[in-house]
Amino acid sequence: MINYLQRKLEVKTLEVHIDPSLYEVIPYLKIGVIHYDNITVGDSPQMLKGRLQLFQENAYFELEDKNVTDYEEIKEWRAIFKKLGKDPNRYRHSAEALYRRVKKQNYLPPLNSATDLNNFFSLQYKIPLGIYDKDQIRGDVELRKGRAEEQYEGLNGRKNNAENLLVTADDEGPFGSPFVDSSRTAVTPKTTNALQIVYLSPKIELHNAQKLVESLASMFTHINGGKARNDILAQTN
């Protein structure tokens, strides 16, 4: 019986790494990686719903006197898209897309406690984030440049052209990017293990990046329970 319970409680482990060729294009690329194990995803608590709504309302008033692309972090990720060969005016990264919604007062409705937090973090830090059901990932994970003819079914309800996007891929191909994530690995109330990818500002210092990622992990587990392990992927000289 003990051995059976140990097997049932076994947590899926996977490796996440960056294709070294990305550093040739983006030398200061930094990616936060957070593994969540044994979480419970459900309706967001009222506290989170309230904070998400209030943040959007405040951002709307701030955007009355500025453009979304005036934010430095949003400009940085637009520049990364361009360096990789993806038009940032046609393929807007997720943080920019969220802020453009806010500017139109098209506020985000609550979805679930994991997705709402992911959106809140993206708005707060003005950077893209991805959250994935780890049990739907096949094999290890690589962040790389999307290849010709690669596509994936996105949460936007479309087949998305992954060529020249920074993609998160497993053995079955791309399942996410700072543009849009896939339906295949979407987090739902059935999710118990998750992987969060934090597309950090390239200019952030490593020690500040670590503090930011730890803060995200702490708030996530405070709401969704479970345990978190985190790391920063970056080029070492």
Protein backbone atom coordinates (compact mmCIF):
# COMPACT_ATOMS: atom_id res chain seq x y z
CA MET A 1 0.00 0.00 0.00
CA ILE A 2 2.82 2.43 0.82
CA ASN A 3 4.46 1.82 -2.55
CA TYR A 4 1.14 2.35 -4.30
CA LEU A 5 0.59 5.68 -2.52
CA GLN A 6 4.12 6.77 -3.34
CA ARG A 7 3.47 6.10 -7.00
CA LYS A 8 0.19 8.02 -6.87
CA LEU A 9 1.93 11.01 -5.28
CA GLU A 10 4.78 10.98 -7.78
CA VAL A 11 5.07 14.37 -9.48
CA LYS A 12 5.91 14.63 -13.16
CA THR A 13 9.39 16.06 -13.65
CA LEU A 14 10.53 17.73 -16.84
CA GLU A 15 13.49 19.77 -17.93
CA VAL A 16 13.15 23.23 -19.44
CA HIS A 17 15.97 24.79 -21.45
CA ILE A 18 16.63 27.51 -24.02
CA ASP A 19 18.00 26.76 -27.47
CA PRO A 20 21.49 28.37 -27.37
CA SER A 21 20.98 29.88 -30.84
CA LEU A 22 18.40 32.26 -29.33
CA TYR A 23 21.17 33.97 -27.39
CA GLU A 24 22.83 34.91 -30.68
CA VAL A 25 19.80 37.07 -31.46
CA ILE A 26 18.81 38.04 -27.90
CA PRO A 27 22.00 37.89 -25.76
CA TYR A 28 20.26 39.13 -22.60
CA LEU A 29 17.23 36.87 -22.86
CA LYS A 30 15.99 35.86 -19.39
CA ILE A 31 13.17 33.41 -18.78
CA GLY A 32 11.61 32.60 -15.43
CA VAL A 33 10.44 29.01 -15.00
CA ILE A 34 8.10 27.98 -12.18
CA HIS A 35 6.93 24.41 -11.56
CA TYR A 36 3.74 24.04 -9.50
CA ASP A 37 2.86 20.66 -8.02
CA ASN A 38 -0.36 19.47 -6.35
CA ILE A 39 -2.29 22.69 -6.93
CA THR A 40 -6.07 23.20 -6.86
CA VAL A 41 -7.52 25.40 -9.61
CA GLY A 42 -11.01 26.80 -9.20
CA ASP A 43 -12.94 30.06 -9.13
CA SER A 44 -10.77 33.00 -8.19
CA PRO A 45 -11.27 34.35 -4.67
CA GLN A 46 -13.02 37.71 -4.48
CA MET A 47 -9.74 39.32 -3.43
CA LEU A 48 -8.10 38.38 -6.74
CA LYS A 49 -11.15 39.33 -8.81
CA GLY A 50 -11.22 42.71 -7.09
CA ARG A 51 -7.51 43.36 -7.57
CA LEU A 52 -7.66 42.39 -11.23
CA GLN A 53 -10.63 44.67 -11.86
CA LEU A 54 -9.14 47.60 -9.92
CA PHE A 55 -5.79 47.27 -11.68
CA GLN A 56 -7.48 47.40 -15.08
CA GLU A 57 -9.54 50.44 -14.12
CA ASN A 58 -6.43 52.29 -12.90
CA ALA A 59 -4.49 51.31 -16.01
CA TYR A 60 -7.32 52.63 -18.19
CA PHE A 61 -7.07 56.09 -16.64
CA GLU A 62 -3.28 56.03 -16.94
CA LEU A 63 -3.58 55.16 -20.63
CA GLU A 64 -5.74 58.21 -21.31
CA ASP A 65 -2.53 60.25 -21.60
CA LYS A 66 -0.19 57.68 -23.16
CA ASN A 67 0.08 54.91 -25.70
CA VAL A 68 0.44 51.23 -24.82
CA THR A 69 3.79 51.17 -26.64
CA ASP A 70 5.14 53.94 -24.35
CA TYR A 71 5.78 51.32 -21.66
CA GLU A 72 9.42 50.25 -21.77
CA GLU A 73 8.73 46.57 -21.04
CA ILE A 74 6.17 46.37 -23.83
CA LYS A 75 8.60 48.03 -26.25
CA GLU A 76 11.31 45.53 -25.32
CA TRP A 77 9.19 42.53 -26.22
CA ARG A 78 8.05 44.17 -29.45
CA ALA A 79 11.73 44.57 -30.32
CA ILE A 80 12.38 40.88 -29.57
CA PHE A 81 9.59 39.83 -31.93
CA LYS A 82 11.11 42.02 -34.62
CA LYS A 83 14.61 40.60 -34.09
CA LEU A 84 13.26 37.07 -34.48
CA GLY A 85 11.56 38.02 -37.74
CA LYS A 86 7.94 38.39 -36.54
CA ASP A 87 6.08 41.63 -37.25
CA PRO A 88 5.11 43.04 -33.81
CA ASN A 89 2.27 45.01 -35.37
CA ARG A 90 0.61 41.83 -36.68
CA TYR A 91 1.69 39.55 -33.81
CA ARG A 92 1.29 41.52 -30.60
CA HIS A 93 2.71 39.86 -27.52
CA SER A 94 0.22 38.97 -24.83
CA ALA A 95 1.05 41.80 -22.41
CA GLU A 96 0.56 44.38 -25.16
CA ALA A 97 -2.69 42.69 -26.19
CA LEU A 98 -3.98 42.86 -22.60
CA TYR A 99 -3.15 46.55 -22.32
CA ARG A 100 -4.84 47.30 -25.64
CA ARG A 101 -7.97 45.63 -24.29
CA VAL A 102 -7.78 47.76 -21.16
CA LYS A 103 -7.35 50.94 -23.23
CA LYS A 104 -10.68 50.09 -24.92
CA GLN A 105 -12.25 49.28 -21.51
CA ASN A 106 -12.66 45.71 -22.72
CA TYR A 107 -11.73 44.35 -19.31
CA LEU A 108 -10.81 40.73 -18.72
CA PRO A 109 -13.57 38.59 -17.20
CA PRO A 110 -12.61 36.13 -14.42
CA LEU A 111 -11.78 32.64 -15.75
CA ASN A 112 -10.10 30.58 -13.03
CA SER A 113 -7.65 31.09 -10.20
CA ALA A 114 -4.58 30.16 -12.27
CA THR A 115 -5.40 32.07 -15.47
CA ASP A 116 -6.60 35.16 -13.59
CA LEU A 117 -3.36 35.31 -11.63
CA ASN A 118 -1.35 34.86 -14.82
CA ASN A 119 -3.19 37.79 -16.39
CA PHE A 120 -2.80 39.91 -13.27
CA PHE A 121 0.96 39.29 -13.20
CA SER A 122 1.20 40.14 -16.91
CA LEU A 123 -0.60 43.44 -16.38
CA GLN A 124 1.32 44.30 -13.24
CA TYR A 125 4.77 43.72 -14.74
CA LYS A 126 3.86 44.49 -18.40
CA ILE A 127 5.46 41.26 -19.63
CA PRO A 128 4.08 38.13 -21.28
CA LEU A 129 3.54 35.00 -19.17
CA GLY A 130 2.36 31.50 -20.01
CA ILE A 131 0.71 28.95 -17.73
CA TYR A 132 0.39 25.31 -18.83
CA ASP A 133 -1.02 22.03 -17.56
CA LYS A 134 2.18 20.09 -16.98
CA ASP A 135 0.46 16.72 -17.35
CA GLN A 136 -0.44 17.59 -20.95
CA ILE A 137 3.20 18.30 -21.87
CA ARG A 138 4.98 15.47 -23.68
CA GLY A 139 8.66 15.15 -22.83
CA ASP A 140 11.01 17.97 -21.94
CA VAL A 141 10.49 21.59 -22.87
CA GLU A 142 12.59 23.81 -25.12
CA LEU A 143 12.26 27.52 -25.78
CA ARG A 144 13.33 28.08 -29.38
CA LYS A 145 12.50 29.87 -32.60
CA GLY A 146 9.47 28.50 -34.40
CA ARG A 147 10.22 26.62 -37.62
CA ALA A 148 8.72 26.90 -41.10
CA GLU A 149 5.32 25.19 -41.39
CA GLU A 150 4.92 24.81 -37.60
CA GLN A 151 1.46 25.63 -36.28
CA TYR A 152 -0.52 25.13 -33.09
CA GLU A 153 -4.13 25.51 -32.02
CA GLY A 154 -4.26 28.59 -29.80
CA LEU A 155 -6.54 29.83 -27.07
CA ASN A 156 -7.58 32.49 -29.59
CA GLY A 157 -9.45 29.73 -31.44
CA ARG A 158 -7.15 29.80 -34.47
CA LYS A 159 -4.31 27.83 -35.99
CA ASN A 160 -1.30 30.02 -35.25
CA ASN A 161 1.74 30.26 -37.47
CA ALA A 162 4.72 29.57 -35.19
CA GLU A 163 7.44 30.39 -37.73
CA ASN A 164 9.87 32.99 -36.29
CA LEU A 165 7.98 33.19 -32.98
CA LEU A 166 9.72 32.45 -29.71
CA VAL A 167 7.92 29.21 -28.89
CA THR A 168 7.74 26.82 -25.96
CA ALA A 169 7.81 23.32 -27.44
CA ASP A 170 7.71 19.69 -26.31
CA ASP A 171 7.97 16.40 -28.21
CA GLU A 172 4.72 17.18 -30.06
CA GLY A 173 5.82 20.67 -31.11
CA PRO A 174 4.98 24.22 -30.00
CA PHE A 175 2.39 24.64 -27.27
CA GLY A 176 2.93 28.25 -26.30
CA SER A 177 4.63 31.56 -26.97
CA PRO A 178 4.57 35.15 -25.70
CA PHE A 179 1.97 35.71 -28.44
CA VAL A 180 -0.68 33.13 -27.48
CA ASP A 181 -0.77 29.78 -25.70
CA SER A 182 -2.21 26.53 -27.00
CA SER A 183 -5.50 24.86 -26.17
CA ARG A 184 -3.66 21.52 -25.85
CA THR A 185 -1.91 22.50 -22.61
CA ALA A 186 -4.48 24.96 -21.25
CA VAL A 187 -4.94 25.09 -17.48
CA THR A 188 -8.42 24.04 -16.30
CA PRO A 189 -10.05 23.16 -12.96
CA LYS A 190 -8.75 19.60 -13.56
CA THR A 191 -5.12 20.79 -13.55
CA THR A 192 -3.05 19.65 -10.57
CA ASN A 193 0.48 20.34 -11.87
CA ALA A 194 1.43 23.40 -13.88
CA LEU A 195 4.36 25.07 -15.58
CA GLN A 196 4.61 28.86 -15.71
CA ILE A 197 6.92 30.63 -18.15
CA VAL A 198 7.80 34.25 -17.31
CA TYR A 199 9.15 36.26 -20.25
CA LEU A 200 11.24 38.69 -18.25
CA SER A 201 12.48 42.08 -19.36
CA PRO A 202 15.94 41.47 -20.90
CA LYS A 203 17.26 44.48 -18.97
CA ILE A 204 16.32 43.16 -15.54
CA GLU A 205 19.22 42.25 -13.25
CA LEU A 206 19.40 38.57 -12.34
CA HIS A 207 18.90 39.13 -8.60
CA ASN A 208 15.80 41.25 -9.31
CA ALA A 209 14.55 38.62 -11.74
CA GLN A 210 14.87 35.98 -9.03
CA LYS A 211 12.95 38.13 -6.53
CA LEU A 212 10.17 38.77 -9.05
CA VAL A 213 9.77 35.09 -9.92
CA GLU A 214 9.79 34.08 -6.25
CA SER A 215 7.10 36.68 -5.55
CA LEU A 216 4.93 35.29 -8.36
CA ALA A 217 5.35 31.73 -7.11
CA SER A 218 4.49 32.74 -3.55
CA MET A 219 1.26 34.50 -4.51
CA PHE A 220 0.27 31.65 -6.84
CA THR A 221 0.62 28.97 -4.16
CA HIS A 222 -1.06 31.22 -1.59
CA ILE A 223 -4.20 31.11 -3.76
CA ASN A 224 -3.90 27.71 -5.48
CA GLY A 225 -2.03 25.72 -2.82
CA GLY A 226 0.65 23.19 -3.71
CA LYS A 227 4.40 23.61 -3.91
CA ALA A 228 6.54 25.72 -6.24
CA ARG A 229 10.06 25.38 -7.63
CA ASN A 230 11.55 28.17 -9.70
CA ASP A 231 14.59 28.98 -11.78
CA ILE A 232 15.92 31.69 -14.09
CA LEU A 233 17.21 30.65 -17.51
CA ALA A 234 19.81 33.04 -18.89
CA GLN A 235 23.09 33.02 -20.75
CA THR A 236 26.13 32.57 -18.53
CA ASN A 237 29.49 34.00 -19.53
